[in-house]
């Protein structure tokens, strides 16, 4: 989608600080980090929300999880731990409607549910 910022990052129209990339996914540093390590992991295919994943697109979710593991190793947060977050739709806090995961780590994270 030409008006999707993440699609424009995938196409190279908008630069990003790439952390990891495969044929299916792209991971890049968040420009407004909420933790010492804050990486966004996206499918290269435009999937608006978690609820838009179909059986045919589940391979994208598998690729996203594999990318999270690789990002954790690259950023050296795999041993001590990290948090992954998927926001879904407006009330879930989703701002950009292209499925994405946040990988947060590098320090002890506060419990967001308290």
C-alpha atoms as a PDB file:
ATOM      1  CA  UNK A   1       0.000   0.000   0.000  1.00  0.00           C
ATOM      2  CA  UNK A   2       1.536   3.266  -1.076  1.00  0.00           C
ATOM      3  CA  UNK A   3       0.195   5.259   1.909  1.00  0.00           C
ATOM      4  CA  UNK A   4       1.525   2.764   4.509  1.00  0.00           C
ATOM      5  CA  UNK A   5       4.731   3.987   6.145  1.00  0.00           C
ATOM      6  CA  UNK A   6       5.945   0.428   6.781  1.00  0.00           C
ATOM      7  CA  UNK A   7       5.335  -0.558   3.150  1.00  0.00           C
ATOM      8  CA  UNK A   8       7.368   2.496   2.150  1.00  0.00           C
ATOM      9  CA  UNK A   9      10.176   1.366   4.472  1.00  0.00           C
ATOM     10  CA  UNK A  10      10.062  -2.122   2.918  1.00  0.00           C
ATOM     11  CA  UNK A  11      10.270  -0.628  -0.591  1.00  0.00           C
ATOM     12  CA  UNK A  12      13.214   1.596   0.391  1.00  0.00           C
ATOM     13  CA  UNK A  13      11.321   4.856  -0.126  1.00  0.00           C
ATOM     14  CA  UNK A  14      11.877   5.676   3.558  1.00  0.00           C
ATOM     15  CA  UNK A  15      15.243   4.810   5.129  1.00  0.00           C
ATOM     16  CA  UNK A  16      15.490   2.695   8.257  1.00  0.00           C
ATOM     17  CA  UNK A  17      18.180   1.382  10.539  1.00  0.00           C
ATOM     18  CA  UNK A  18      17.920  -2.283   9.519  1.00  0.00           C
ATOM     19  CA  UNK A  19      18.656  -4.877  12.150  1.00  0.00           C
ATOM     20  CA  UNK A  20      17.588  -8.039  10.303  1.00  0.00           C
ATOM     21  CA  UNK A  21      16.010  -8.916   6.964  1.00  0.00           C
ATOM     22  CA  UNK A  22      14.790 -11.966   5.044  1.00  0.00           C
ATOM     23  CA  UNK A  23      12.551 -12.400   2.002  1.00  0.00           C
ATOM     24  CA  UNK A  24       9.505 -12.278   4.310  1.00  0.00           C
ATOM     25  CA  UNK A  25      10.379  -9.876   7.138  1.00  0.00           C
ATOM     26  CA  UNK A  26      12.221  -6.697   7.975  1.00  0.00           C
ATOM     27  CA  UNK A  27      13.391  -5.590  11.427  1.00  0.00           C
ATOM     28  CA  UNK A  28      14.608  -2.075  12.181  1.00  0.00           C
ATOM     29  CA  UNK A  29      15.314   0.142  15.166  1.00  0.00           C
ATOM     30  CA  UNK A  30      12.331   2.176  16.373  1.00  0.00           C
ATOM     31  CA  UNK A  31      12.866   5.917  15.874  1.00  0.00           C
ATOM     32  CA  UNK A  32      11.153   6.631  19.211  1.00  0.00           C
ATOM     33  CA  UNK A  33      12.533   3.871  21.476  1.00  0.00           C
ATOM     34  CA  UNK A  34      10.700   3.007  24.672  1.00  0.00           C
ATOM     35  CA  UNK A  35      13.621   0.907  25.992  1.00  0.00           C
ATOM     36  CA  UNK A  36      17.391   0.715  25.416  1.00  0.00           C
ATOM     37  CA  UNK A  37      16.611  -1.864  22.702  1.00  0.00           C
ATOM     38  CA  UNK A  38      13.429  -1.240  20.710  1.00  0.00           C
ATOM     39  CA  UNK A  39      13.149  -2.964  17.355  1.00  0.00           C
ATOM     40  CA  UNK A  40      10.116  -3.155  15.067  1.00  0.00           C
ATOM     41  CA  UNK A  41       9.625  -6.425  13.179  1.00  0.00           C
ATOM     42  CA  UNK A  42       7.242  -6.393  10.207  1.00  0.00           C
ATOM     43  CA  UNK A  43       6.138  -8.753   7.466  1.00  0.00           C
ATOM     44  CA  UNK A  44       7.055  -7.433   4.034  1.00  0.00           C
ATOM     45  CA  UNK A  45       3.527  -8.295   2.911  1.00  0.00           C
ATOM     46  CA  UNK A  46       0.963  -5.689   3.919  1.00  0.00           C
ATOM     47  CA  UNK A  47      -1.231  -7.244   6.610  1.00  0.00           C
ATOM     48  CA  UNK A  48      -3.180  -4.501   8.430  1.00  0.00           C
ATOM     49  CA  UNK A  49      -3.727  -6.132  11.843  1.00  0.00           C
ATOM     50  CA  UNK A  50      -3.260  -9.364  13.742  1.00  0.00           C
ATOM     51  CA  UNK A  51      -6.925 -10.078  13.029  1.00  0.00           C
ATOM     52  CA  UNK A  52      -6.205 -10.004   9.283  1.00  0.00           C
ATOM     53  CA  UNK A  53      -3.901 -13.024   9.430  1.00  0.00           C
ATOM     54  CA  UNK A  54      -5.455 -15.841   7.441  1.00  0.00           C
ATOM     55  CA  UNK A  55      -4.478 -19.506   7.357  1.00  0.00           C
ATOM     56  CA  UNK A  56      -2.574 -18.754   4.159  1.00  0.00           C
ATOM     57  CA  UNK A  57      -0.640 -15.924   5.853  1.00  0.00           C
ATOM     58  CA  UNK A  58       0.297 -17.826   9.041  1.00  0.00           C
ATOM     59  CA  UNK A  59       3.715 -18.432   7.488  1.00  0.00           C
ATOM     60  CA  UNK A  60       4.282 -14.702   7.952  1.00  0.00           C
ATOM     61  CA  UNK A  61       3.653 -15.038  11.689  1.00  0.00           C
ATOM     62  CA  UNK A  62       6.144 -17.886  11.898  1.00  0.00           C
ATOM     63  CA  UNK A  63       8.689 -15.737  10.051  1.00  0.00           C
ATOM     64  CA  UNK A  64       8.014 -12.848  12.449  1.00  0.00           C
ATOM     65  CA  UNK A  65       8.667 -15.029  15.500  1.00  0.00           C
ATOM     66  CA  UNK A  66      11.857 -16.404  13.951  1.00  0.00           C
ATOM     67  CA  UNK A  67      12.940 -12.817  13.252  1.00  0.00           C
ATOM     68  CA  UNK A  68      12.277 -11.853  16.884  1.00  0.00           C
ATOM     69  CA  UNK A  69      14.618 -14.637  17.979  1.00  0.00           C
ATOM     70  CA  UNK A  70      17.314 -13.441  15.571  1.00  0.00           C
ATOM     71  CA  UNK A  71      16.891  -9.812  16.640  1.00  0.00           C
ATOM     72  CA  UNK A  72      17.257 -10.825  20.305  1.00  0.00           C
ATOM     73  CA  UNK A  73      20.544 -12.557  19.491  1.00  0.00           C
ATOM     74  CA  UNK A  74      21.818  -9.670  17.326  1.00  0.00           C
ATOM     75  CA  UNK A  75      20.945  -7.102  20.003  1.00  0.00           C
ATOM     76  CA  UNK A  76      22.347  -9.351  22.774  1.00  0.00           C
ATOM     77  CA  UNK A  77      19.140  -9.457  24.801  1.00  0.00           C
ATOM     78  CA  UNK A  78      18.467 -13.166  24.295  1.00  0.00           C
ATOM     79  CA  UNK A  79      20.177 -14.330  27.493  1.00  0.00           C
ATOM     80  CA  UNK A  80      18.679 -11.871  30.010  1.00  0.00           C
ATOM     81  CA  UNK A  81      15.260 -11.534  28.382  1.00  0.00           C
ATOM     82  CA  UNK A  82      13.054  -9.178  26.461  1.00  0.00           C
ATOM     83  CA  UNK A  83       9.427  -8.347  25.787  1.00  0.00           C
ATOM     84  CA  UNK A  84       7.483  -8.649  22.543  1.00  0.00           C
ATOM     85  CA  UNK A  85       4.316  -6.639  21.985  1.00  0.00           C
ATOM     86  CA  UNK A  86       1.681  -6.736  19.252  1.00  0.00           C
ATOM     87  CA  UNK A  87      -0.881  -3.941  19.399  1.00  0.00           C
ATOM     88  CA  UNK A  88      -4.117  -4.684  17.552  1.00  0.00           C
ATOM     89  CA  UNK A  89      -6.508  -2.019  16.301  1.00  0.00           C
ATOM     90  CA  UNK A  90      -7.293   1.371  17.845  1.00  0.00           C
ATOM     91  CA  UNK A  91      -8.263   0.312  21.356  1.00  0.00           C
ATOM     92  CA  UNK A  92      -5.285  -2.026  21.477  1.00  0.00           C
ATOM     93  CA  UNK A  93      -2.947   0.869  20.818  1.00  0.00           C
ATOM     94  CA  UNK A  94      -2.138   0.142  17.167  1.00  0.00           C
ATOM     95  CA  UNK A  95      -1.120   3.357  15.400  1.00  0.00           C
ATOM     96  CA  UNK A  96       0.311   2.041  12.114  1.00  0.00           C
ATOM     97  CA  UNK A  97      -2.019  -0.399  10.402  1.00  0.00           C
ATOM     98  CA  UNK A  98       0.603  -2.824   9.143  1.00  0.00           C
ATOM     99  CA  UNK A  99       1.090  -5.811  11.434  1.00  0.00           C
ATOM    100  CA  UNK A 100       4.234  -5.369  13.505  1.00  0.00           C
ATOM    101  CA  UNK A 101       5.907  -6.620  16.657  1.00  0.00           C
ATOM    102  CA  UNK A 102       7.866  -4.520  19.104  1.00  0.00           C
ATOM    103  CA  UNK A 103      10.961  -6.145  20.628  1.00  0.00           C
ATOM    104  CA  UNK A 104      11.923  -4.352  23.844  1.00  0.00           C
ATOM    105  CA  UNK A 105      14.863  -5.058  26.118  1.00  0.00           C
ATOM    106  CA  UNK A 106      18.262  -4.001  27.318  1.00  0.00           C
ATOM    107  CA  UNK A 107      17.162  -3.262  30.872  1.00  0.00           C
ATOM    108  CA  UNK A 108      14.643  -4.584  33.395  1.00  0.00           C
ATOM    109  CA  UNK A 109      11.242  -3.604  32.036  1.00  0.00           C
ATOM    110  CA  UNK A 110       8.406  -2.415  34.259  1.00  0.00           C
ATOM    111  CA  UNK A 111       5.286  -4.534  34.378  1.00  0.00           C
ATOM    112  CA  UNK A 112       2.944  -2.740  31.992  1.00  0.00           C
ATOM    113  CA  UNK A 113      -0.132  -4.389  33.499  1.00  0.00           C
ATOM    114  CA  UNK A 114       0.208  -2.835  36.968  1.00  0.00           C
END
